[in-house]
């Protein structure tokens, strides 16, 4: 049996807050670790805080550029 067609893409590197090395991509839940509810909820909360912080930083940067 031959190998499957195409190639396997590398998985993104994931930080503690769910942020990956792919700009704008966050990982949470089962994709971030063991498929247990308590870990999924915790990783989702950390990712949500990181997303809010990133968006707040972008808005502050936009405000400074227009101010």
PDB file of N, CA and C in Angstrom:
ATOM      1  N   UNK A   1       0.849  -1.180   0.000  1.00  0.00           N
ATOM      2  CA  UNK A   1       0.000   0.000   0.000  1.00  0.00           C
ATOM      3  C   UNK A   1       0.890   1.238   0.000  1.00  0.00           C
ATOM      4  N   UNK A   2       0.580   2.181  -0.862  1.00  0.00           N
ATOM      5  CA  UNK A   2       1.383   3.393  -0.997  1.00  0.00           C
ATOM      6  C   UNK A   2       1.051   4.440   0.047  1.00  0.00           C
ATOM      7  N   UNK A   3       1.782   5.497  -0.010  1.00  0.00           N
ATOM      8  CA  UNK A   3       1.553   6.630   0.898  1.00  0.00           C
ATOM      9  C   UNK A   3       0.373   7.455   0.401  1.00  0.00           C
ATOM     10  N   UNK A   4      -0.294   8.158   1.315  1.00  0.00           N
ATOM     11  CA  UNK A   4      -1.406   9.013   0.874  1.00  0.00           C
ATOM     12  C   UNK A   4      -0.904  10.159  -0.006  1.00  0.00           C
ATOM     13  N   UNK A   5      -1.770  10.623  -0.874  1.00  0.00           N
ATOM     14  CA  UNK A   5      -1.415  11.742  -1.749  1.00  0.00           C
ATOM     15  C   UNK A   5      -1.282  13.017  -0.925  1.00  0.00           C
ATOM     16  N   UNK A   6      -0.504  13.942  -1.408  1.00  0.00           N
ATOM     17  CA  UNK A   6      -0.351  15.237  -0.739  1.00  0.00           C
ATOM     18  C   UNK A   6       0.718  15.189   0.333  1.00  0.00           C
ATOM     19  N   UNK A   7       0.631  16.120   1.260  1.00  0.00           N
ATOM     20  CA  UNK A   7       1.611  16.197   2.327  1.00  0.00           C
ATOM     21  C   UNK A   7       0.910  16.529   3.635  1.00  0.00           C
ATOM     22  N   UNK A   8       1.565  16.232   4.721  1.00  0.00           N
ATOM     23  CA  UNK A   8       1.018  16.505   6.049  1.00  0.00           C
ATOM     24  C   UNK A   8       1.486  17.891   6.472  1.00  0.00           C
ATOM     25  N   UNK A   9       0.536  18.745   6.801  1.00  0.00           N
ATOM     26  CA  UNK A   9       0.887  20.091   7.255  1.00  0.00           C
ATOM     27  C   UNK A   9       1.333  20.046   8.707  1.00  0.00           C
ATOM     28  N   UNK A  10       2.272  20.891   9.048  1.00  0.00           N
ATOM     29  CA  UNK A  10       2.727  20.986  10.431  1.00  0.00           C
ATOM     30  C   UNK A  10       1.635  21.600  11.286  1.00  0.00           C
ATOM     31  N   UNK A  11       1.570  21.134  12.529  1.00  0.00           N
ATOM     32  CA  UNK A  11       0.638  21.727  13.474  1.00  0.00           C
ATOM     33  C   UNK A  11       1.230  23.028  13.997  1.00  0.00           C
ATOM     34  N   UNK A  12       0.391  24.024  14.293  1.00  0.00           N
ATOM     35  CA  UNK A  12       0.933  25.277  14.833  1.00  0.00           C
ATOM     36  C   UNK A  12       1.453  25.074  16.252  1.00  0.00           C
ATOM     37  N   UNK A  13       2.438  25.864  16.627  1.00  0.00           N
ATOM     38  CA  UNK A  13       2.910  25.866  18.010  1.00  0.00           C
ATOM     39  C   UNK A  13       1.884  26.638  18.835  1.00  0.00           C
ATOM     40  N   UNK A  14       1.564  26.123  20.005  1.00  0.00           N
ATOM     41  CA  UNK A  14       0.515  26.712  20.842  1.00  0.00           C
ATOM     42  C   UNK A  14       1.094  27.110  22.187  1.00  0.00           C
ATOM     43  N   UNK A  15       0.836  28.374  22.587  1.00  0.00           N
ATOM     44  CA  UNK A  15       1.277  28.860  23.890  1.00  0.00           C
ATOM     45  C   UNK A  15       0.258  28.564  24.971  1.00  0.00           C
ATOM     46  N   UNK A  16       0.596  28.899  26.205  1.00  0.00           N
ATOM     47  CA  UNK A  16      -0.286  28.665  27.351  1.00  0.00           C
ATOM     48  C   UNK A  16      -1.635  29.362  27.222  1.00  0.00           C
ATOM     49  N   UNK A  17      -1.660  30.493  26.501  1.00  0.00           N
ATOM     50  CA  UNK A  17      -2.898  31.253  26.358  1.00  0.00           C
ATOM     51  C   UNK A  17      -3.670  30.882  25.091  1.00  0.00           C
ATOM     52  N   UNK A  18      -3.254  29.820  24.405  1.00  0.00           N
ATOM     53  CA  UNK A  18      -3.946  29.396  23.194  1.00  0.00           C
ATOM     54  C   UNK A  18      -3.468  30.077  21.933  1.00  0.00           C
ATOM     55  N   UNK A  19      -2.605  31.084  22.088  1.00  0.00           N
ATOM     56  CA  UNK A  19      -2.067  31.803  20.934  1.00  0.00           C
ATOM     57  C   UNK A  19      -1.132  30.867  20.170  1.00  0.00           C
ATOM     58  N   UNK A  20      -1.195  30.910  18.846  1.00  0.00           N
ATOM     59  CA  UNK A  20      -0.322  30.060  18.038  1.00  0.00           C
ATOM     60  C   UNK A  20       0.678  30.912  17.278  1.00  0.00           C
ATOM     61  N   UNK A  21       1.562  30.250  16.553  1.00  0.00           N
ATOM     62  CA  UNK A  21       2.520  30.965  15.730  1.00  0.00           C
ATOM     63  C   UNK A  21       1.887  31.433  14.418  1.00  0.00           C
ATOM     64  N   UNK A  22       0.609  31.163  14.228  1.00  0.00           N
ATOM     65  CA  UNK A  22      -0.132  31.638  13.059  1.00  0.00           C
ATOM     66  C   UNK A  22      -0.899  32.886  13.486  1.00  0.00           C
ATOM     67  N   UNK A  23      -0.617  34.052  12.921  1.00  0.00           N
ATOM     68  CA  UNK A  23      -1.284  35.286  13.340  1.00  0.00           C
ATOM     69  C   UNK A  23      -2.813  35.158  13.294  1.00  0.00           C
ATOM     70  N   UNK A  24      -3.457  35.528  14.414  1.00  0.00           N
ATOM     71  CA  UNK A  24      -4.915  35.509  14.489  1.00  0.00           C
ATOM     72  C   UNK A  24      -5.517  34.152  14.786  1.00  0.00           C
ATOM     73  N   UNK A  25      -4.713  33.107  14.976  1.00  0.00           N
ATOM     74  CA  UNK A  25      -5.225  31.765  15.247  1.00  0.00           C
ATOM     75  C   UNK A  25      -4.973  31.395  16.693  1.00  0.00           C
ATOM     76  N   UNK A  26      -6.050  31.076  17.391  1.00  0.00           N
ATOM     77  CA  UNK A  26      -5.982  30.623  18.774  1.00  0.00           C
ATOM     78  C   UNK A  26      -6.558  29.222  18.840  1.00  0.00           C
ATOM     79  N   UNK A  27      -6.046  28.398  19.747  1.00  0.00           N
ATOM     80  CA  UNK A  27      -6.498  27.025  19.894  1.00  0.00           C
ATOM     81  C   UNK A  27      -6.990  26.825  21.321  1.00  0.00           C
ATOM     82  N   UNK A  28      -8.134  26.153  21.467  1.00  0.00           N
ATOM     83  CA  UNK A  28      -8.691  25.884  22.791  1.00  0.00           C
ATOM     84  C   UNK A  28      -9.440  24.562  22.756  1.00  0.00           C
ATOM     85  N   UNK A  29      -9.841  24.108  23.925  1.00  0.00           N
ATOM     86  CA  UNK A  29     -10.645  22.892  24.016  1.00  0.00           C
ATOM     87  C   UNK A  29      -9.830  21.642  23.746  1.00  0.00           C
ATOM     88  N   UNK A  30     -10.456  20.668  23.103  1.00  0.00           N
ATOM     89  CA  UNK A  30      -9.806  19.387  22.826  1.00  0.00           C
ATOM     90  C   UNK A  30      -8.539  19.540  22.005  1.00  0.00           C
ATOM     91  N   UNK A  31      -8.460  20.569  21.184  1.00  0.00           N
ATOM     92  CA  UNK A  31      -7.274  20.769  20.352  1.00  0.00           C
ATOM     93  C   UNK A  31      -6.079  21.252  21.166  1.00  0.00           C
ATOM     94  N   UNK A  32      -6.345  21.791  22.362  1.00  0.00           N
ATOM     95  CA  UNK A  32      -5.268  22.348  23.171  1.00  0.00           C
ATOM     96  C   UNK A  32      -4.711  21.361  24.195  1.00  0.00           C
ATOM     97  N   UNK A  33      -5.318  20.217  24.325  1.00  0.00           N
ATOM     98  CA  UNK A  33      -4.831  19.258  25.316  1.00  0.00           C
ATOM     99  C   UNK A  33      -5.791  18.107  25.493  1.00  0.00           C
ATOM    100  N   UNK A  34      -5.733  17.486  26.667  1.00  0.00           N
ATOM    101  CA  UNK A  34      -6.600  16.327  26.910  1.00  0.00           C
ATOM    102  C   UNK A  34      -8.081  16.699  26.765  1.00  0.00           C
ATOM    103  N   UNK A  35      -8.881  15.801  26.185  1.00  0.00           N
ATOM    104  CA  UNK A  35     -10.297  16.114  25.972  1.00  0.00           C
ATOM    105  C   UNK A  35     -11.130  15.970  27.247  1.00  0.00           C
ATOM    106  N   UNK A  36     -10.802  16.760  28.240  1.00  0.00           N
ATOM    107  CA  UNK A  36     -11.555  16.772  29.489  1.00  0.00           C
ATOM    108  C   UNK A  36     -12.205  18.131  29.656  1.00  0.00           C
ATOM    109  N   UNK A  37     -13.429  18.156  30.114  1.00  0.00           N
ATOM    110  CA  UNK A  37     -14.190  19.396  30.215  1.00  0.00           C
ATOM    111  C   UNK A  37     -13.454  20.469  31.012  1.00  0.00           C
ATOM    112  N   UNK A  38     -12.882  20.102  32.161  1.00  0.00           N
ATOM    113  CA  UNK A  38     -12.231  21.128  32.992  1.00  0.00           C
ATOM    114  C   UNK A  38     -11.031  21.749  32.267  1.00  0.00           C
ATOM    115  N   UNK A  39     -10.297  20.971  31.475  1.00  0.00           N
ATOM    116  CA  UNK A  39      -9.179  21.523  30.726  1.00  0.00           C
ATOM    117  C   UNK A  39      -9.673  22.341  29.536  1.00  0.00           C
ATOM    118  N   UNK A  40     -10.750  21.883  28.903  1.00  0.00           N
ATOM    119  CA  UNK A  40     -11.301  22.602  27.754  1.00  0.00           C
ATOM    120  C   UNK A  40     -11.814  23.974  28.172  1.00  0.00           C
ATOM    121  N   UNK A  41     -12.518  24.031  29.286  1.00  0.00           N
ATOM    122  CA  UNK A  41     -13.057  25.309  29.775  1.00  0.00           C
ATOM    123  C   UNK A  41     -11.920  26.248  30.149  1.00  0.00           C
ATOM    124  N   UNK A  42     -10.918  25.719  30.840  1.00  0.00           N
ATOM    125  CA  UNK A  42      -9.776  26.551  31.233  1.00  0.00           C
ATOM    126  C   UNK A  42      -9.034  27.075  30.012  1.00  0.00           C
ATOM    127  N   UNK A  43      -8.772  26.222  29.031  1.00  0.00           N
ATOM    128  CA  UNK A  43      -8.047  26.680  27.847  1.00  0.00           C
ATOM    129  C   UNK A  43      -8.877  27.677  27.052  1.00  0.00           C
ATOM    130  N   UNK A  44     -10.189  27.497  27.024  1.00  0.00           N
ATOM    131  CA  UNK A  44     -11.060  28.458  26.344  1.00  0.00           C
ATOM    132  C   UNK A  44     -11.040  29.819  27.023  1.00  0.00           C
ATOM    133  N   UNK A  45     -11.056  29.820  28.346  1.00  0.00           N
ATOM    134  CA  UNK A  45     -11.012  31.079  29.085  1.00  0.00           C
ATOM    135  C   UNK A  45      -9.680  31.802  28.868  1.00  0.00           C
ATOM    136  N   UNK A  46      -8.576  31.038  28.885  1.00  0.00           N
ATOM    137  CA  UNK A  46      -7.265  31.660  28.640  1.00  0.00           C
ATOM    138  C   UNK A  46      -7.174  32.219  27.226  1.00  0.00           C
ATOM    139  N   UNK A  47      -7.698  31.474  26.264  1.00  0.00           N
ATOM    140  CA  UNK A  47      -7.678  31.957  24.875  1.00  0.00           C
ATOM    141  C   UNK A  47      -8.547  33.204  24.728  1.00  0.00           C
ATOM    142  N   UNK A  48      -9.708  33.215  25.370  1.00  0.00           N
ATOM    143  CA  UNK A  48     -10.590  34.384  25.288  1.00  0.00           C
ATOM    144  C   UNK A  48      -9.915  35.620  25.866  1.00  0.00           C
ATOM    145  N   UNK A  49      -9.224  35.473  27.007  1.00  0.00           N
ATOM    146  CA  UNK A  49      -8.510  36.619  27.594  1.00  0.00           C
ATOM    147  C   UNK A  49      -7.403  37.103  26.657  1.00  0.00           C
ATOM    148  N   UNK A  50      -6.702  36.189  26.020  1.00  0.00           N
ATOM    149  CA  UNK A  50      -5.628  36.571  25.094  1.00  0.00           C
ATOM    150  C   UNK A  50      -6.188  37.280  23.868  1.00  0.00           C
ATOM    151  N   UNK A  51      -7.326  36.816  23.378  1.00  0.00           N
ATOM    152  CA  UNK A  51      -7.959  37.461  22.224  1.00  0.00           C
ATOM    153  C   UNK A  51      -8.387  38.872  22.576  1.00  0.00           C
ATOM    154  N   UNK A  52      -9.015  39.040  23.738  1.00  0.00           N
ATOM    155  CA  UNK A  52      -9.441  40.377  24.177  1.00  0.00           C
ATOM    156  C   UNK A  52      -8.228  41.298  24.311  1.00  0.00           C
ATOM    157  N   UNK A  53      -7.150  40.790  24.909  1.00  0.00           N
ATOM    158  CA  UNK A  53      -5.943  41.608  25.072  1.00  0.00           C
ATOM    159  C   UNK A  53      -5.362  41.987  23.712  1.00  0.00           C
ATOM    160  N   UNK A  54      -5.356  41.041  22.778  1.00  0.00           N
ATOM    161  CA  UNK A  54      -4.821  41.337  21.447  1.00  0.00           C
ATOM    162  C   UNK A  54      -5.676  42.381  20.736  1.00  0.00           C
ATOM    163  N   UNK A  55      -6.986  42.237  20.817  1.00  0.00           N
ATOM    164  CA  UNK A  55      -7.877  43.214  20.172  1.00  0.00           C
ATOM    165  C   UNK A  55      -7.771  44.581  20.835  1.00  0.00           C
ATOM    166  N   UNK A  56      -7.640  44.610  22.148  1.00  0.00           N
ATOM    167  CA  UNK A  56      -7.486  45.892  22.854  1.00  0.00           C
ATOM    168  C   UNK A  56      -6.188  46.565  22.435  1.00  0.00           C
ATOM    169  N   UNK A  57      -5.125  45.787  22.257  1.00  0.00           N
ATOM    170  CA  UNK A  57      -3.848  46.343  21.808  1.00  0.00           C
ATOM    171  C   UNK A  57      -3.945  46.903  20.403  1.00  0.00           C
ATOM    172  N   UNK A  58      -4.680  46.224  19.536  1.00  0.00           N
ATOM    173  CA  UNK A  58      -4.860  46.717  18.172  1.00  0.00           C
ATOM    174  C   UNK A  58      -5.654  48.021  18.172  1.00  0.00           C
ATOM    175  N   UNK A  59      -6.678  48.084  19.003  1.00  0.00           N
ATOM    176  CA  UNK A  59      -7.478  49.314  19.072  1.00  0.00           C
ATOM    177  C   UNK A  59      -6.663  50.461  19.635  1.00  0.00           C
ATOM    178  N   UNK A  60      -5.829  50.188  20.649  1.00  0.00           N
ATOM    179  CA  UNK A  60      -4.980  51.243  21.210  1.00  0.00           C
ATOM    180  C   UNK A  60      -3.990  51.721  20.164  1.00  0.00           C
ATOM    181  N   UNK A  61      -3.454  50.800  19.388  1.00  0.00           N
ATOM    182  CA  UNK A  61      -2.507  51.166  18.328  1.00  0.00           C
ATOM    183  C   UNK A  61      -3.200  52.004  17.258  1.00  0.00           C
ATOM    184  N   UNK A  62      -4.415  51.618  16.881  1.00  0.00           N
ATOM    185  CA  UNK A  62      -5.168  52.389  15.870  1.00  0.00           C
ATOM    186  C   UNK A  62      -5.493  53.779  16.394  1.00  0.00           C
ATOM    187  N   UNK A  63      -5.858  53.879  17.671  1.00  0.00           N
ATOM    188  CA  UNK A  63      -6.181  55.178  18.253  1.00  0.00           C
ATOM    189  C   UNK A  63      -4.974  56.090  18.283  1.00  0.00           C
ATOM    190  N   UNK A  64      -3.809  55.543  18.587  1.00  0.00           N
ATOM    191  CA  UNK A  64      -2.587  56.345  18.621  1.00  0.00           C
ATOM    192  C   UNK A  64      -2.216  56.826  17.215  1.00  0.00           C
ATOM    193  N   UNK A  65      -2.478  56.007  16.217  1.00  0.00           N
ATOM    194  CA  UNK A  65      -2.149  56.382  14.844  1.00  0.00           C
ATOM    195  C   UNK A  65      -3.062  57.488  14.328  1.00  0.00           C
ATOM    196  N   UNK A  66      -4.288  57.515  14.832  1.00  0.00           N
ATOM    197  CA  UNK A  66      -5.257  58.527  14.376  1.00  0.00           C
ATOM    198  C   UNK A  66      -5.275  59.758  15.273  1.00  0.00           C
ATOM    199  N   UNK A  67      -4.647  59.662  16.430  1.00  0.00           N
ATOM    200  CA  UNK A  67      -4.730  60.734  17.409  1.00  0.00           C
ATOM    201  C   UNK A  67      -3.720  61.741  17.201  1.00  0.00           C
TER     202      UNK A  67
END
